[in-house]
Amino acid sequence: MPKDQKLKLKLKKNNKALLFLVPIMAIALGVCLYNFIAVQVEISQKNSELQQIAAQREVVDAENEMLIRYSKEENKSEYIEEIARDKLGYAKPEERIYYIVPAD
């Protein structure tokens, strides 16, 4: 066989292999790209969830600090007064309570 024909046969084999590999590589690249985008979306959602949980934690921490402060012996009477005023509507004898009613 002449050298020219051997070269042509090799090129045909390479072209067939290339025709087979290019679509497979394109599909693999597409799958990788899809997975990358899906992971980025999930990361974004988790970051949003983390921010919400951090905000909830700040509220709970503030409430815990208030409860710790009121649990100390010297602050118990202050806590009882606050509950009586805010929750039960009580007032000391010399106090006047004004309620602001919004105009409709």
PDB file of N, CA and C in Angstrom:
ATOM      1  N   MET A   1       0.828  -1.177   0.000  1.00  0.00           N
ATOM      2  CA  MET A   1       0.000   0.000   0.000  1.00  0.00           C
ATOM      3  C   MET A   1       0.873   1.241   0.000  1.00  0.00           C
ATOM      4  N   PRO A   2       0.492   2.170  -0.807  1.00  0.00           N
ATOM      5  CA  PRO A   2       1.275   3.395  -0.812  1.00  0.00           C
ATOM      6  C   PRO A   2       1.061   4.179   0.471  1.00  0.00           C
ATOM      7  N   LYS A   3       1.999   5.001   0.716  1.00  0.00           N
ATOM      8  CA  LYS A   3       1.998   5.821   1.930  1.00  0.00           C
ATOM      9  C   LYS A   3       0.788   6.767   1.956  1.00  0.00           C
ATOM     10  N   ASP A   4       0.398   7.245   0.818  1.00  0.00           N
ATOM     11  CA  ASP A   4      -0.732   8.174   0.698  1.00  0.00           C
ATOM     12  C   ASP A   4      -2.041   7.511   1.127  1.00  0.00           C
ATOM     13  N   GLN A   5      -2.235   6.292   0.724  1.00  0.00           N
ATOM     14  CA  GLN A   5      -3.467   5.574   1.064  1.00  0.00           C
ATOM     15  C   GLN A   5      -3.510   5.255   2.564  1.00  0.00           C
ATOM     16  N   LYS A   6      -2.390   4.907   3.142  1.00  0.00           N
ATOM     17  CA  LYS A   6      -2.346   4.639   4.582  1.00  0.00           C
ATOM     18  C   LYS A   6      -2.727   5.894   5.378  1.00  0.00           C
ATOM     19  N   LEU A   7      -2.257   7.022   4.919  1.00  0.00           N
ATOM     20  CA  LEU A   7      -2.554   8.292   5.579  1.00  0.00           C
ATOM     21  C   LEU A   7      -4.040   8.609   5.487  1.00  0.00           C
ATOM     22  N   LYS A   8      -4.620   8.346   4.312  1.00  0.00           N
ATOM     23  CA  LYS A   8      -6.047   8.601   4.131  1.00  0.00           C
ATOM     24  C   LYS A   8      -6.873   7.689   5.022  1.00  0.00           C
ATOM     25  N   LEU A   9      -6.493   6.435   5.168  1.00  0.00           N
ATOM     26  CA  LEU A   9      -7.210   5.507   6.042  1.00  0.00           C
ATOM     27  C   LEU A   9      -7.129   5.949   7.511  1.00  0.00           C
ATOM     28  N   LYS A  10      -5.978   6.392   7.899  1.00  0.00           N
ATOM     29  CA  LYS A  10      -5.812   6.897   9.271  1.00  0.00           C
ATOM     30  C   LYS A  10      -6.694   8.106   9.511  1.00  0.00           C
ATOM     31  N   LEU A  11      -6.745   9.025   8.550  1.00  0.00           N
ATOM     32  CA  LEU A  11      -7.577  10.223   8.689  1.00  0.00           C
ATOM     33  C   LEU A  11      -9.049   9.857   8.767  1.00  0.00           C
ATOM     34  N   LYS A  12      -9.489   8.878   7.968  1.00  0.00           N
ATOM     35  CA  LYS A  12     -10.879   8.451   8.019  1.00  0.00           C
ATOM     36  C   LYS A  12     -11.212   7.855   9.389  1.00  0.00           C
ATOM     37  N   LYS A  13     -10.303   7.042   9.928  1.00  0.00           N
ATOM     38  CA  LYS A  13     -10.517   6.459  11.247  1.00  0.00           C
ATOM     39  C   LYS A  13     -10.571   7.557  12.303  1.00  0.00           C
ATOM     40  N   ASN A  14      -9.688   8.533  12.189  1.00  0.00           N
ATOM     41  CA  ASN A  14      -9.662   9.650  13.138  1.00  0.00           C
ATOM     42  C   ASN A  14     -10.938  10.483  13.015  1.00  0.00           C
ATOM     43  N   ASN A  15     -11.418  10.675  11.799  1.00  0.00           N
ATOM     44  CA  ASN A  15     -12.651  11.440  11.606  1.00  0.00           C
ATOM     45  C   ASN A  15     -13.836  10.720  12.222  1.00  0.00           C
ATOM     46  N   LYS A  16     -13.896   9.384  12.053  1.00  0.00           N
ATOM     47  CA  LYS A  16     -14.983   8.613  12.656  1.00  0.00           C
ATOM     48  C   LYS A  16     -14.918   8.718  14.179  1.00  0.00           C
ATOM     49  N   ALA A  17     -13.751   8.603  14.713  1.00  0.00           N
ATOM     50  CA  ALA A  17     -13.579   8.719  16.166  1.00  0.00           C
ATOM     51  C   ALA A  17     -13.945  10.128  16.626  1.00  0.00           C
ATOM     52  N   LEU A  18     -13.572  11.109  15.858  1.00  0.00           N
ATOM     53  CA  LEU A  18     -13.882  12.502  16.192  1.00  0.00           C
ATOM     54  C   LEU A  18     -15.382  12.745  16.123  1.00  0.00           C
ATOM     55  N   LEU A  19     -16.045  12.181  15.107  1.00  0.00           N
ATOM     56  CA  LEU A  19     -17.500  12.320  14.994  1.00  0.00           C
ATOM     57  C   LEU A  19     -18.214  11.661  16.169  1.00  0.00           C
ATOM     58  N   PHE A  20     -17.623  10.664  16.740  1.00  0.00           N
ATOM     59  CA  PHE A  20     -18.193   9.982  17.889  1.00  0.00           C
ATOM     60  C   PHE A  20     -17.897  10.752  19.188  1.00  0.00           C
ATOM     61  N   LEU A  21     -16.691  11.282  19.300  1.00  0.00           N
ATOM     62  CA  LEU A  21     -16.264  11.943  20.540  1.00  0.00           C
ATOM     63  C   LEU A  21     -16.849  13.338  20.718  1.00  0.00           C
ATOM     64  N   VAL A  22     -17.028  14.088  19.639  1.00  0.00           N
ATOM     65  CA  VAL A  22     -17.512  15.473  19.757  1.00  0.00           C
ATOM     66  C   VAL A  22     -18.895  15.530  20.402  1.00  0.00           C
ATOM     67  N   PRO A  23     -19.879  14.751  19.969  1.00  0.00           N
ATOM     68  CA  PRO A  23     -21.179  14.810  20.654  1.00  0.00           C
ATOM     69  C   PRO A  23     -21.112  14.360  22.108  1.00  0.00           C
ATOM     70  N   ILE A  24     -20.288  13.338  22.360  1.00  0.00           N
ATOM     71  CA  ILE A  24     -20.161  12.869  23.745  1.00  0.00           C
ATOM     72  C   ILE A  24     -19.547  13.963  24.617  1.00  0.00           C
ATOM     73  N   MET A  25     -18.549  14.643  24.115  1.00  0.00           N
ATOM     74  CA  MET A  25     -17.923  15.738  24.869  1.00  0.00           C
ATOM     75  C   MET A  25     -18.904  16.895  25.056  1.00  0.00           C
ATOM     76  N   ALA A  26     -19.702  17.180  24.046  1.00  0.00           N
ATOM     77  CA  ALA A  26     -20.698  18.248  24.154  1.00  0.00           C
ATOM     78  C   ALA A  26     -21.740  17.896  25.218  1.00  0.00           C
ATOM     79  N   ILE A  27     -22.190  16.648  25.228  1.00  0.00           N
ATOM     80  CA  ILE A  27     -23.161  16.216  26.238  1.00  0.00           C
ATOM     81  C   ILE A  27     -22.539  16.286  27.636  1.00  0.00           C
ATOM     82  N   ALA A  28     -21.302  15.839  27.761  1.00  0.00           N
ATOM     83  CA  ALA A  28     -20.612  15.887  29.056  1.00  0.00           C
ATOM     84  C   ALA A  28     -20.451  17.325  29.530  1.00  0.00           C
ATOM     85  N   LEU A  29     -20.111  18.212  28.621  1.00  0.00           N
ATOM     86  CA  LEU A  29     -19.975  19.629  28.974  1.00  0.00           C
ATOM     87  C   LEU A  29     -21.314  20.210  29.403  1.00  0.00           C
ATOM     88  N   GLY A  30     -22.380  19.834  28.696  1.00  0.00           N
ATOM     89  CA  GLY A  30     -23.720  20.296  29.063  1.00  0.00           C
ATOM     90  C   GLY A  30     -24.132  19.826  30.444  1.00  0.00           C
ATOM     91  N   VAL A  31     -23.850  18.569  30.750  1.00  0.00           N
ATOM     92  CA  VAL A  31     -24.182  18.019  32.074  1.00  0.00           C
ATOM     93  C   VAL A  31     -23.389  18.747  33.155  1.00  0.00           C
ATOM     94  N   CYS A  32     -22.117  18.971  32.904  1.00  0.00           N
ATOM     95  CA  CYS A  32     -21.281  19.689  33.879  1.00  0.00           C
ATOM     96  C   CYS A  32     -21.794  21.111  34.102  1.00  0.00           C
ATOM     97  N   LEU A  33     -22.158  21.778  33.038  1.00  0.00           N
ATOM     98  CA  LEU A  33     -22.681  23.144  33.144  1.00  0.00           C
ATOM     99  C   LEU A  33     -23.995  23.166  33.911  1.00  0.00           C
ATOM    100  N   TYR A  34     -24.872  22.206  33.622  1.00  0.00           N
ATOM    101  CA  TYR A  34     -26.143  22.119  34.339  1.00  0.00           C
ATOM    102  C   TYR A  34     -25.901  21.898  35.833  1.00  0.00           C
ATOM    103  N   ASN A  35     -25.005  20.987  36.176  1.00  0.00           N
ATOM    104  CA  ASN A  35     -24.703  20.716  37.580  1.00  0.00           C
ATOM    105  C   ASN A  35     -24.103  21.930  38.266  1.00  0.00           C
ATOM    106  N   PHE A  36     -23.243  22.645  37.570  1.00  0.00           N
ATOM    107  CA  PHE A  36     -22.635  23.849  38.137  1.00  0.00           C
ATOM    108  C   PHE A  36     -23.704  24.893  38.459  1.00  0.00           C
ATOM    109  N   ILE A  37     -24.619  25.113  37.524  1.00  0.00           N
ATOM    110  CA  ILE A  37     -25.680  26.099  37.739  1.00  0.00           C
ATOM    111  C   ILE A  37     -26.594  25.653  38.877  1.00  0.00           C
ATOM    112  N   ALA A  38     -26.914  24.367  38.932  1.00  0.00           N
ATOM    113  CA  ALA A  38     -27.775  23.855  40.003  1.00  0.00           C
ATOM    114  C   ALA A  38     -27.116  24.051  41.368  1.00  0.00           C
ATOM    115  N   VAL A  39     -25.830  23.830  41.457  1.00  0.00           N
ATOM    116  CA  VAL A  39     -25.109  24.014  42.724  1.00  0.00           C
ATOM    117  C   VAL A  39     -25.080  25.491  43.109  1.00  0.00           C
ATOM    118  N   GLN A  40     -24.893  26.372  42.143  1.00  0.00           N
ATOM    119  CA  GLN A  40     -24.876  27.802  42.432  1.00  0.00           C
ATOM    120  C   GLN A  40     -26.239  28.275  42.944  1.00  0.00           C
ATOM    121  N   VAL A  41     -27.313  27.774  42.351  1.00  0.00           N
ATOM    122  CA  VAL A  41     -28.660  28.129  42.811  1.00  0.00           C
ATOM    123  C   VAL A  41     -28.878  27.629  44.234  1.00  0.00           C
ATOM    124  N   GLU A  42     -28.446  26.422  44.513  1.00  0.00           N
ATOM    125  CA  GLU A  42     -28.595  25.861  45.857  1.00  0.00           C
ATOM    126  C   GLU A  42     -27.783  26.657  46.875  1.00  0.00           C
ATOM    127  N   ILE A  43     -26.596  27.072  46.508  1.00  0.00           N
ATOM    128  CA  ILE A  43     -25.772  27.897  47.403  1.00  0.00           C
ATOM    129  C   ILE A  43     -26.477  29.209  47.704  1.00  0.00           C
ATOM    130  N   SER A  44     -27.059  29.812  46.688  1.00  0.00           N
ATOM    131  CA  SER A  44     -27.783  31.074  46.878  1.00  0.00           C
ATOM    132  C   SER A  44     -28.967  30.886  47.826  1.00  0.00           C
ATOM    133  N   GLN A  45     -29.712  29.807  47.654  1.00  0.00           N
ATOM    134  CA  GLN A  45     -30.842  29.530  48.536  1.00  0.00           C
ATOM    135  C   GLN A  45     -30.384  29.296  49.969  1.00  0.00           C
ATOM    136  N   LYS A  46     -29.305  28.572  50.141  1.00  0.00           N
ATOM    137  CA  LYS A  46     -28.794  28.295  51.487  1.00  0.00           C
ATOM    138  C   LYS A  46     -28.286  29.567  52.158  1.00  0.00           C
ATOM    139  N   ASN A  47     -27.681  30.468  51.381  1.00  0.00           N
ATOM    140  CA  ASN A  47     -27.231  31.745  51.943  1.00  0.00           C
ATOM    141  C   ASN A  47     -28.417  32.577  52.415  1.00  0.00           C
ATOM    142  N   SER A  48     -29.482  32.572  51.635  1.00  0.00           N
ATOM    143  CA  SER A  48     -30.694  33.287  52.031  1.00  0.00           C
ATOM    144  C   SER A  48     -31.277  32.687  53.302  1.00  0.00           C
ATOM    145  N   GLU A  49     -31.320  31.376  53.370  1.00  0.00           N
ATOM    146  CA  GLU A  49     -31.812  30.685  54.559  1.00  0.00           C
ATOM    147  C   GLU A  49     -30.933  30.991  55.771  1.00  0.00           C
ATOM    148  N   LEU A  50     -29.637  31.055  55.554  1.00  0.00           N
ATOM    149  CA  LEU A  50     -28.703  31.370  56.632  1.00  0.00           C
ATOM    150  C   LEU A  50     -28.945  32.778  57.175  1.00  0.00           C
ATOM    151  N   GLN A  51     -29.216  33.730  56.300  1.00  0.00           N
ATOM    152  CA  GLN A  51     -29.496  35.095  56.744  1.00  0.00           C
ATOM    153  C   GLN A  51     -30.774  35.151  57.576  1.00  0.00           C
ATOM    154  N   GLN A  52     -31.805  34.404  57.165  1.00  0.00           N
ATOM    155  CA  GLN A  52     -33.045  34.375  57.932  1.00  0.00           C
ATOM    156  C   GLN A  52     -32.819  33.765  59.315  1.00  0.00           C
ATOM    157  N   ILE A  53     -32.066  32.697  59.360  1.00  0.00           N
ATOM    158  CA  ILE A  53     -31.793  32.038  60.639  1.00  0.00           C
ATOM    159  C   ILE A  53     -30.951  32.940  61.537  1.00  0.00           C
ATOM    160  N   ALA A  54     -30.008  33.667  60.945  1.00  0.00           N
ATOM    161  CA  ALA A  54     -29.188  34.592  61.736  1.00  0.00           C
ATOM    162  C   ALA A  54     -30.053  35.698  62.332  1.00  0.00           C
ATOM    163  N   ALA A  55     -31.023  36.193  61.563  1.00  0.00           N
ATOM    164  CA  ALA A  55     -31.922  37.221  62.084  1.00  0.00           C
ATOM    165  C   ALA A  55     -32.774  36.665  63.222  1.00  0.00           C
ATOM    166  N   GLN A  56     -33.261  35.442  63.066  1.00  0.00           N
ATOM    167  CA  GLN A  56     -34.039  34.809  64.137  1.00  0.00           C
ATOM    168  C   GLN A  56     -33.181  34.612  65.383  1.00  0.00           C
ATOM    169  N   ARG A  57     -31.931  34.260  65.168  1.00  0.00           N
ATOM    170  CA  ARG A  57     -31.036  34.039  66.304  1.00  0.00           C
ATOM    171  C   ARG A  57     -30.816  35.338  67.079  1.00  0.00           C
ATOM    172  N   GLU A  58     -30.682  36.459  66.360  1.00  0.00           N
ATOM    173  CA  GLU A  58     -30.493  37.747  67.033  1.00  0.00           C
ATOM    174  C   GLU A  58     -31.685  38.064  67.919  1.00  0.00           C
ATOM    175  N   VAL A  59     -32.896  37.780  67.425  1.00  0.00           N
ATOM    176  CA  VAL A  59     -34.102  38.029  68.217  1.00  0.00           C
ATOM    177  C   VAL A  59     -34.102  37.151  69.465  1.00  0.00           C
ATOM    178  N   VAL A  60     -33.781  35.893  69.298  1.00  0.00           N
ATOM    179  CA  VAL A  60     -33.769  34.963  70.433  1.00  0.00           C
ATOM    180  C   VAL A  60     -32.668  35.346  71.428  1.00  0.00           C
ATOM    181  N   ASP A  61     -31.507  35.751  70.928  1.00  0.00           N
ATOM    182  CA  ASP A  61     -30.429  36.177  71.826  1.00  0.00           C
ATOM    183  C   ASP A  61     -30.837  37.393  72.645  1.00  0.00           C
ATOM    184  N   ALA A  62     -31.515  38.344  72.002  1.00  0.00           N
ATOM    185  CA  ALA A  62     -31.969  39.537  72.730  1.00  0.00           C
ATOM    186  C   ALA A  62     -32.986  39.150  73.801  1.00  0.00           C
ATOM    187  N   GLU A  63     -33.885  38.246  73.465  1.00  0.00           N
ATOM    188  CA  GLU A  63     -34.871  37.795  74.445  1.00  0.00           C
ATOM    189  C   GLU A  63     -34.187  37.053  75.596  1.00  0.00           C
ATOM    190  N   ASN A  64     -33.186  36.247  75.282  1.00  0.00           N
ATOM    191  CA  ASN A  64     -32.448  35.530  76.329  1.00  0.00           C
ATOM    192  C   ASN A  64     -31.728  36.497  77.258  1.00  0.00           C
ATOM    193  N   GLU A  65     -31.122  37.528  76.677  1.00  0.00           N
ATOM    194  CA  GLU A  65     -30.444  38.525  77.516  1.00  0.00           C
ATOM    195  C   GLU A  65     -31.432  39.202  78.452  1.00  0.00           C
ATOM    196  N   MET A  66     -32.621  39.530  77.937  1.00  0.00           N
ATOM    197  CA  MET A  66     -33.633  40.160  78.775  1.00  0.00           C
ATOM    198  C   MET A  66     -34.060  39.203  79.889  1.00  0.00           C
ATOM    199  N   LEU A  67     -34.269  37.942  79.566  1.00  0.00           N
ATOM    200  CA  LEU A  67     -34.681  36.979  80.587  1.00  0.00           C
ATOM    201  C   LEU A  67     -33.588  36.750  81.625  1.00  0.00           C
ATOM    202  N   ILE A  68     -32.347  36.730  81.192  1.00  0.00           N
ATOM    203  CA  ILE A  68     -31.237  36.588  82.139  1.00  0.00           C
ATOM    204  C   ILE A  68     -31.183  37.796  83.064  1.00  0.00           C
ATOM    205  N   ARG A  69     -31.381  38.983  82.480  1.00  0.00           N
ATOM    206  CA  ARG A  69     -31.354  40.206  83.293  1.00  0.00           C
ATOM    207  C   ARG A  69     -32.477  40.184  84.320  1.00  0.00           C
ATOM    208  N   TYR A  70     -33.681  39.771  83.890  1.00  0.00           N
ATOM    209  CA  TYR A  70     -34.811  39.750  84.808  1.00  0.00           C
ATOM    210  C   TYR A  70     -34.742  38.597  85.799  1.00  0.00           C
ATOM    211  N   SER A  71     -33.960  37.574  85.525  1.00  0.00           N
ATOM    212  CA  SER A  71     -33.877  36.447  86.452  1.00  0.00           C
ATOM    213  C   SER A  71     -33.011  36.760  87.661  1.00  0.00           C
ATOM    214  N   LYS A  72     -32.214  37.812  87.572  1.00  0.00           N
ATOM    215  CA  LYS A  72     -31.400  38.208  88.728  1.00  0.00           C
ATOM    216  C   LYS A  72     -32.316  38.763  89.816  1.00  0.00           C
ATOM    217  N   GLU A  73     -31.953  38.522  91.033  1.00  0.00           N
ATOM    218  CA  GLU A  73     -32.797  38.867  92.180  1.00  0.00           C
ATOM    219  C   GLU A  73     -33.135  40.360  92.232  1.00  0.00           C
ATOM    220  N   GLU A  74     -32.170  41.223  91.937  1.00  0.00           N
ATOM    221  CA  GLU A  74     -32.411  42.664  92.059  1.00  0.00           C
ATOM    222  C   GLU A  74     -33.361  43.200  90.982  1.00  0.00           C
ATOM    223  N   ASN A  75     -33.591  42.444  89.921  1.00  0.00           N
ATOM    224  CA  ASN A  75     -34.449  42.914  88.836  1.00  0.00           C
ATOM    225  C   ASN A  75     -35.830  42.247  88.815  1.00  0.00           C
ATOM    226  N   LYS A  76     -36.110  41.378  89.772  1.00  0.00           N
ATOM    227  CA  LYS A  76     -37.385  40.667  89.743  1.00  0.00           C
ATOM    228  C   LYS A  76     -38.571  41.603  89.946  1.00  0.00           C
ATOM    229  N   SER A  77     -38.453  42.561  90.827  1.00  0.00           N
ATOM    230  CA  SER A  77     -39.569  43.486  91.041  1.00  0.00           C
ATOM    231  C   SER A  77     -39.805  44.341  89.789  1.00  0.00           C
ATOM    232  N   GLU A  78     -38.728  44.741  89.125  1.00  0.00           N
ATOM    233  CA  GLU A  78     -38.852  45.498  87.871  1.00  0.00           C
ATOM    234  C   GLU A  78     -39.580  44.670  86.813  1.00  0.00           C
ATOM    235  N   TYR A  79     -39.272  43.393  86.731  1.00  0.00           N
ATOM    236  CA  TYR A  79     -39.904  42.500  85.766  1.00  0.00           C
ATOM    237  C   TYR A  79     -41.383  42.337  86.076  1.00  0.00           C
ATOM    238  N   ILE A  80     -41.706  42.184  87.360  1.00  0.00           N
ATOM    239  CA  ILE A  80     -43.106  42.029  87.769  1.00  0.00           C
ATOM    240  C   ILE A  80     -43.887  43.291  87.424  1.00  0.00           C
ATOM    241  N   GLU A  81     -43.298  44.468  87.663  1.00  0.00           N
ATOM    242  CA  GLU A  81     -43.957  45.730  87.311  1.00  0.00           C
ATOM    243  C   GLU A  81     -44.188  45.838  85.805  1.00  0.00           C
ATOM    244  N   GLU A  82     -43.201  45.441  85.040  1.00  0.00           N
ATOM    245  CA  GLU A  82     -43.337  45.524  83.580  1.00  0.00           C
ATOM    246  C   GLU A  82     -44.449  44.608  83.074  1.00  0.00           C
ATOM    247  N   ILE A  83     -44.522  43.412  83.613  1.00  0.00           N
ATOM    248  CA  ILE A  83     -45.591  42.476  83.225  1.00  0.00           C
ATOM    249  C   ILE A  83     -46.945  43.050  83.631  1.00  0.00           C
ATOM    250  N   ALA A  84     -47.024  43.601  84.827  1.00  0.00           N
ATOM    251  CA  ALA A  84     -48.295  44.156  85.306  1.00  0.00           C
ATOM    252  C   ALA A  84     -48.748  45.312  84.411  1.00  0.00           C
ATOM    253  N   ARG A  85     -47.833  46.152  83.999  1.00  0.00           N
ATOM    254  CA  ARG A  85     -48.190  47.292  83.148  1.00  0.00           C
ATOM    255  C   ARG A  85     -48.532  46.852  81.721  1.00  0.00           C
ATOM    256  N   ASP A  86     -47.627  46.089  81.110  1.00  0.00           N
ATOM    257  CA  ASP A  86     -47.759  45.779  79.686  1.00  0.00           C
ATOM    258  C   ASP A  86     -48.819  44.724  79.401  1.00  0.00           C
ATOM    259  N   LYS A  87     -48.846  43.685  80.182  1.00  0.00           N
ATOM    260  CA  LYS A  87     -49.738  42.560  79.889  1.00  0.00           C
ATOM    261  C   LYS A  87     -51.097  42.691  80.574  1.00  0.00           C
ATOM    262  N   LEU A  88     -51.086  43.186  81.823  1.00  0.00           N
ATOM    263  CA  LEU A  88     -52.323  43.197  82.599  1.00  0.00           C
ATOM    264  C   LEU A  88     -52.993  44.570  82.646  1.00  0.00           C
ATOM    265  N   GLY A  89     -52.285  45.614  82.246  1.00  0.00           N
ATOM    266  CA  GLY A  89     -52.873  46.954  82.210  1.00  0.00           C
ATOM    267  C   GLY A  89     -52.952  47.632  83.569  1.00  0.00           C
ATOM    268  N   TYR A  90     -52.190  47.160  84.538  1.00  0.00           N
ATOM    269  CA  TYR A  90     -52.194  47.765  85.863  1.00  0.00           C
ATOM    270  C   TYR A  90     -51.334  49.025  85.879  1.00  0.00           C
ATOM    271  N   ALA A  91     -51.579  49.860  86.901  1.00  0.00           N
ATOM    272  CA  ALA A  91     -50.774  51.062  87.094  1.00  0.00           C
ATOM    273  C   ALA A  91     -50.647  51.313  88.588  1.00  0.00           C
ATOM    274  N   LYS A  92     -49.642  52.091  88.943  1.00  0.00           N
ATOM    275  CA  LYS A  92     -49.485  52.479  90.345  1.00  0.00           C
ATOM    276  C   LYS A  92     -50.574  53.483  90.681  1.00  0.00           C
ATOM    277  N   PRO A  93     -50.877  53.647  91.964  1.00  0.00           N
ATOM    278  CA  PRO A  93     -51.983  54.544  92.335  1.00  0.00           C
ATOM    279  C   PRO A  93     -51.807  55.979  91.829  1.00  0.00           C
ATOM    280  N   GLU A  94     -50.605  56.482  91.783  1.00  0.00           N
ATOM    281  CA  GLU A  94     -50.402  57.873  91.374  1.00  0.00           C
ATOM    282  C   GLU A  94     -50.206  58.029  89.859  1.00  0.00           C
ATOM    283  N   GLU A  95     -50.232  56.954  89.123  1.00  0.00           N
ATOM    284  CA  GLU A  95     -50.007  57.012  87.678  1.00  0.00           C
ATOM    285  C   GLU A  95     -51.321  57.142  86.914  1.00  0.00           C
ATOM    286  N   ARG A  96     -51.206  57.791  85.757  1.00  0.00           N
ATOM    287  CA  ARG A  96     -52.319  57.842  84.815  1.00  0.00           C
ATOM    288  C   ARG A  96     -51.869  57.210  83.517  1.00  0.00           C
ATOM    289  N   ILE A  97     -52.704  56.395  82.959  1.00  0.00           N
ATOM    290  CA  ILE A  97     -52.377  55.721  81.702  1.00  0.00           C
ATOM    291  C   ILE A  97     -53.210  56.358  80.593  1.00  0.00           C
ATOM    292  N   TYR A  98     -52.534  56.768  79.557  1.00  0.00           N
ATOM    293  CA  TYR A  98     -53.206  57.358  78.394  1.00  0.00           C
ATOM    294  C   TYR A  98     -53.074  56.380  77.222  1.00  0.00           C
ATOM    295  N   TYR A  99     -54.175  56.168  76.575  1.00  0.00           N
ATOM    296  CA  TYR A  99     -54.192  55.316  75.387  1.00  0.00           C
ATOM    297  C   TYR A  99     -54.386  56.207  74.161  1.00  0.00           C
ATOM    298  N   ILE A 100     -53.558  56.049  73.209  1.00  0.00           N
ATOM    299  CA  ILE A 100     -53.649  56.823  71.971  1.00  0.00           C
ATOM    300  C   ILE A 100     -54.441  55.987  70.967  1.00  0.00           C
ATOM    301  N   VAL A 101     -55.581  56.510  70.581  1.00  0.00           N
ATOM    302  CA  VAL A 101     -56.430  55.822  69.631  1.00  0.00           C
ATOM    303  C   VAL A 101     -56.287  56.518  68.293  1.00  0.00           C
ATOM    304  N   PRO A 102     -55.870  55.802  67.278  1.00  0.00           N
ATOM    305  CA  PRO A 102     -55.705  56.448  65.965  1.00  0.00           C
ATOM    306  C   PRO A 102     -57.057  56.829  65.352  1.00  0.00           C
ATOM    307  N   ALA A 103     -57.059  57.968  64.684  1.00  0.00           N
ATOM    308  CA  ALA A 103     -58.278  58.417  64.020  1.00  0.00           C
ATOM    309  C   ALA A 103     -58.494  57.624  62.745  1.00  0.00           C
ATOM    310  N   ASP A 104     -59.731  57.268  62.482  1.00  0.00           N
ATOM    311  CA  ASP A 104     -60.020  56.490  61.266  1.00  0.00           C
ATOM    312  C   ASP A 104     -60.236  57.375  60.075  1.00  0.00           C
TER     313      ASP A 104
END
